[in-house]
C-alpha cells in the first residue's frame, strides 16, 4: 500500500530544485518532474509509472532503474541509482 500523495505534488515540482526530497513509498503515478533537480531524492518503494522526467537531473537518486522504466522522458544513461 502506498502513502497518500498530496494533490499539489503532481505539478508543483516541475522545474524546481527538490534535492534530497523523500518520496519513499508514495504513489507518484503521472507526477511531473520535468527539468527538476532531483539530486539525492529517495524514490524507494514509490510508484513512478508514467512520471514525466524530461530533462530531470537524476544523479544520484535512491531508486531502481525498473521503477523508472515506464516514465516519460527517462534517460537511464543520464541517471545514477543507489539502493540506499
N, C-alpha and C. Protein backbone atom coordinates (compact mmCIF):
# COMPACT_ATOMS: atom_id res chain seq x y z
N UNK A 1 0.84 -1.18 0.00
CA UNK A 1 0.00 0.00 0.00
C UNK A 1 0.89 1.25 0.00
N UNK A 2 0.53 2.19 -0.83
CA UNK A 2 1.31 3.43 -0.95
C UNK A 2 0.77 4.51 -0.01
N UNK A 3 1.64 5.44 0.35
CA UNK A 3 1.23 6.60 1.15
C UNK A 3 0.38 7.53 0.29
N UNK A 4 -0.51 8.27 0.93
CA UNK A 4 -1.35 9.25 0.24
C UNK A 4 -0.48 10.38 -0.29
N UNK A 5 -0.56 10.64 -1.57
CA UNK A 5 0.23 11.69 -2.20
C UNK A 5 -0.56 13.00 -2.23
N UNK A 6 -0.03 14.08 -1.70
CA UNK A 6 -0.73 15.37 -1.77
C UNK A 6 -0.99 15.76 -3.24
N UNK A 7 -2.18 16.20 -3.54
CA UNK A 7 -2.54 16.56 -4.92
C UNK A 7 -1.62 17.62 -5.52
N UNK A 8 -1.13 18.53 -4.70
CA UNK A 8 -0.29 19.61 -5.21
C UNK A 8 1.04 19.10 -5.75
N UNK A 9 1.50 17.93 -5.29
CA UNK A 9 2.78 17.40 -5.73
C UNK A 9 2.84 17.12 -7.22
N UNK A 10 1.73 16.83 -7.86
CA UNK A 10 1.75 16.37 -9.24
C UNK A 10 2.23 17.44 -10.22
N UNK A 11 2.14 18.71 -9.88
CA UNK A 11 2.61 19.78 -10.75
C UNK A 11 3.62 20.71 -10.09
N UNK A 12 3.63 20.83 -8.78
CA UNK A 12 4.43 21.86 -8.12
C UNK A 12 5.94 21.65 -8.21
N UNK A 13 6.42 20.45 -8.50
CA UNK A 13 7.86 20.20 -8.51
C UNK A 13 8.50 20.35 -9.88
N UNK A 14 7.72 20.52 -10.93
CA UNK A 14 8.28 20.67 -12.28
C UNK A 14 9.20 21.89 -12.33
N UNK A 15 10.44 21.67 -12.78
CA UNK A 15 11.40 22.75 -12.94
C UNK A 15 11.99 23.27 -11.64
N UNK A 16 11.77 22.58 -10.54
CA UNK A 16 12.24 23.04 -9.23
C UNK A 16 13.45 22.25 -8.76
N UNK A 17 14.20 22.83 -7.84
CA UNK A 17 15.29 22.11 -7.17
C UNK A 17 14.67 21.43 -5.96
N UNK A 18 14.48 20.13 -6.05
CA UNK A 18 13.87 19.36 -4.96
C UNK A 18 14.90 18.39 -4.37
N UNK A 19 16.16 18.75 -4.44
CA UNK A 19 17.25 17.91 -3.95
C UNK A 19 16.96 17.40 -2.54
N UNK A 20 17.16 16.09 -2.35
CA UNK A 20 17.01 15.49 -1.04
C UNK A 20 15.59 15.14 -0.63
N UNK A 21 14.60 15.41 -1.47
CA UNK A 21 13.20 15.14 -1.12
C UNK A 21 12.99 13.63 -0.97
N UNK A 22 12.25 13.23 0.04
CA UNK A 22 11.97 11.82 0.29
C UNK A 22 10.57 11.47 -0.22
N UNK A 23 10.54 10.77 -1.36
CA UNK A 23 9.29 10.33 -1.97
C UNK A 23 9.03 8.85 -1.68
N UNK A 24 9.78 8.26 -0.76
CA UNK A 24 9.69 6.82 -0.48
C UNK A 24 8.27 6.41 -0.13
N UNK A 25 7.79 5.37 -0.83
CA UNK A 25 6.50 4.78 -0.53
C UNK A 25 5.28 5.50 -1.07
N UNK A 26 5.45 6.58 -1.81
CA UNK A 26 4.31 7.32 -2.35
C UNK A 26 3.89 6.81 -3.72
N UNK A 27 2.60 6.96 -4.04
CA UNK A 27 2.11 6.67 -5.39
C UNK A 27 2.27 7.95 -6.20
N UNK A 28 3.30 7.98 -7.03
CA UNK A 28 3.64 9.17 -7.82
C UNK A 28 3.28 8.98 -9.30
N UNK A 29 2.30 8.12 -9.57
CA UNK A 29 1.88 7.85 -10.94
C UNK A 29 1.54 9.16 -11.64
N UNK A 30 2.26 9.46 -12.72
CA UNK A 30 1.99 10.65 -13.52
C UNK A 30 2.56 11.95 -12.98
N UNK A 31 3.37 11.93 -11.94
CA UNK A 31 3.93 13.17 -11.39
C UNK A 31 4.81 13.87 -12.43
N UNK A 32 4.79 15.18 -12.44
CA UNK A 32 5.58 15.96 -13.39
C UNK A 32 6.86 16.46 -12.70
N UNK A 33 7.99 15.85 -13.07
CA UNK A 33 9.29 16.29 -12.55
C UNK A 33 10.17 16.81 -13.69
N UNK A 34 9.53 17.25 -14.76
CA UNK A 34 10.27 17.75 -15.92
C UNK A 34 11.19 18.90 -15.51
N UNK A 35 12.47 18.79 -15.91
CA UNK A 35 13.50 19.80 -15.65
C UNK A 35 13.75 20.05 -14.16
N UNK A 36 13.38 19.10 -13.32
CA UNK A 36 13.62 19.23 -11.88
C UNK A 36 15.02 18.73 -11.53
N UNK A 37 15.56 19.25 -10.46
CA UNK A 37 16.84 18.77 -9.93
C UNK A 37 16.48 17.84 -8.77
N UNK A 38 16.70 16.55 -9.00
CA UNK A 38 16.31 15.52 -8.03
C UNK A 38 17.52 14.91 -7.33
N UNK A 39 18.61 15.64 -7.23
CA UNK A 39 19.85 15.14 -6.62
C UNK A 39 19.57 14.66 -5.20
N UNK A 40 19.88 13.38 -4.95
CA UNK A 40 19.72 12.83 -3.61
C UNK A 40 18.30 12.48 -3.21
N UNK A 41 17.35 12.56 -4.13
CA UNK A 41 15.97 12.21 -3.79
C UNK A 41 15.84 10.70 -3.60
N UNK A 42 14.94 10.31 -2.72
CA UNK A 42 14.66 8.89 -2.50
C UNK A 42 13.29 8.55 -3.07
N UNK A 43 13.29 7.55 -3.96
CA UNK A 43 12.06 7.03 -4.54
C UNK A 43 11.86 5.58 -4.12
N UNK A 44 12.53 5.16 -3.04
CA UNK A 44 12.48 3.77 -2.59
C UNK A 44 11.03 3.35 -2.35
N UNK A 45 10.60 2.30 -3.05
CA UNK A 45 9.26 1.76 -2.87
C UNK A 45 8.14 2.61 -3.44
N UNK A 46 8.46 3.65 -4.19
CA UNK A 46 7.44 4.53 -4.76
C UNK A 46 6.97 4.00 -6.12
N UNK A 47 5.74 4.33 -6.48
CA UNK A 47 5.19 4.01 -7.80
C UNK A 47 5.44 5.22 -8.70
N UNK A 48 6.22 5.01 -9.77
CA UNK A 48 6.59 6.12 -10.65
C UNK A 48 6.10 5.94 -12.09
N UNK A 49 5.18 5.01 -12.31
CA UNK A 49 4.69 4.77 -13.67
C UNK A 49 4.16 6.07 -14.28
N UNK A 50 4.53 6.30 -15.52
CA UNK A 50 4.10 7.45 -16.32
C UNK A 50 4.50 8.80 -15.75
N UNK A 51 5.48 8.83 -14.87
CA UNK A 51 6.01 10.11 -14.39
C UNK A 51 6.69 10.82 -15.55
N UNK A 52 6.66 12.13 -15.55
CA UNK A 52 7.26 12.94 -16.61
C UNK A 52 8.64 13.40 -16.14
N UNK A 53 9.68 12.89 -16.79
CA UNK A 53 11.05 13.14 -16.35
C UNK A 53 11.93 13.80 -17.41
N UNK A 54 11.36 14.41 -18.43
CA UNK A 54 12.16 15.07 -19.46
C UNK A 54 13.12 16.07 -18.81
N UNK A 55 14.40 15.95 -19.12
CA UNK A 55 15.45 16.86 -18.63
C UNK A 55 15.57 16.94 -17.11
N UNK A 56 15.09 15.94 -16.41
CA UNK A 56 15.25 15.92 -14.95
C UNK A 56 16.67 15.47 -14.61
N UNK A 57 17.26 16.11 -13.62
CA UNK A 57 18.61 15.75 -13.18
C UNK A 57 18.46 14.68 -12.10
N UNK A 58 18.89 13.46 -12.41
CA UNK A 58 18.66 12.30 -11.55
C UNK A 58 19.97 11.67 -11.08
N UNK A 59 20.92 12.48 -10.63
CA UNK A 59 22.22 11.95 -10.17
C UNK A 59 22.55 12.51 -8.81
N UNK A 60 22.75 11.71 -7.82
CA UNK A 60 22.26 10.34 -7.70
C UNK A 60 20.86 10.34 -7.11
N UNK A 61 20.13 9.26 -7.30
CA UNK A 61 18.83 9.08 -6.66
C UNK A 61 18.78 7.69 -6.03
N UNK A 62 17.95 7.55 -5.03
CA UNK A 62 17.75 6.24 -4.42
C UNK A 62 16.50 5.65 -5.06
N UNK A 63 16.72 4.68 -5.93
CA UNK A 63 15.65 4.04 -6.69
C UNK A 63 16.27 2.90 -7.47
N UNK A 64 15.43 2.15 -8.15
CA UNK A 64 15.93 1.12 -9.06
C UNK A 64 15.55 1.55 -10.47
N UNK A 65 16.34 1.15 -11.43
CA UNK A 65 16.04 1.52 -12.82
C UNK A 65 14.70 0.95 -13.25
N UNK A 66 14.28 -0.18 -12.68
CA UNK A 66 13.00 -0.78 -13.02
C UNK A 66 11.83 0.12 -12.62
N UNK A 67 11.98 0.85 -11.53
CA UNK A 67 10.93 1.76 -11.09
C UNK A 67 10.67 2.85 -12.13
N UNK A 68 11.70 3.22 -12.86
CA UNK A 68 11.61 4.34 -13.79
C UNK A 68 11.43 3.89 -15.24
N UNK A 69 11.31 2.60 -15.46
CA UNK A 69 11.26 2.06 -16.82
C UNK A 69 10.07 2.56 -17.64
N UNK A 70 8.96 2.89 -17.01
CA UNK A 70 7.77 3.31 -17.75
C UNK A 70 7.48 4.80 -17.60
N UNK A 71 8.52 5.56 -17.32
CA UNK A 71 8.38 7.01 -17.19
C UNK A 71 8.58 7.69 -18.54
N UNK A 72 7.94 8.80 -18.72
CA UNK A 72 8.07 9.57 -19.95
C UNK A 72 9.34 10.42 -19.90
N UNK A 73 10.20 10.27 -20.90
CA UNK A 73 11.41 11.09 -20.99
C UNK A 73 12.56 10.60 -20.14
N UNK A 74 12.46 9.43 -19.54
CA UNK A 74 13.52 8.90 -18.68
C UNK A 74 14.72 8.46 -19.52
N UNK A 75 15.92 8.90 -19.12
CA UNK A 75 17.16 8.52 -19.80
C UNK A 75 18.06 7.81 -18.80
N UNK A 76 18.16 6.49 -18.92
CA UNK A 76 18.95 5.70 -17.97
C UNK A 76 20.41 6.13 -17.95
N UNK A 77 20.97 6.49 -19.09
CA UNK A 77 22.37 6.90 -19.16
C UNK A 77 22.65 8.21 -18.47
N UNK A 78 21.62 9.01 -18.24
CA UNK A 78 21.79 10.31 -17.59
C UNK A 78 21.40 10.24 -16.12
N UNK A 79 21.27 9.02 -15.59
CA UNK A 79 20.85 8.84 -14.20
C UNK A 79 21.85 7.98 -13.45
N UNK A 80 21.85 8.13 -12.15
CA UNK A 80 22.73 7.34 -11.29
C UNK A 80 21.88 6.83 -10.13
N UNK A 81 21.83 5.50 -9.97
CA UNK A 81 20.98 4.88 -8.97
C UNK A 81 21.76 4.32 -7.80
N UNK A 82 21.16 4.42 -6.63
CA UNK A 82 21.72 3.82 -5.42
C UNK A 82 20.58 3.10 -4.71
N UNK A 83 20.91 2.06 -3.98
CA UNK A 83 19.88 1.31 -3.28
C UNK A 83 19.61 1.86 -1.88
N UNK A 84 20.49 2.73 -1.37
CA UNK A 84 20.26 3.34 -0.07
C UNK A 84 20.89 4.71 -0.01
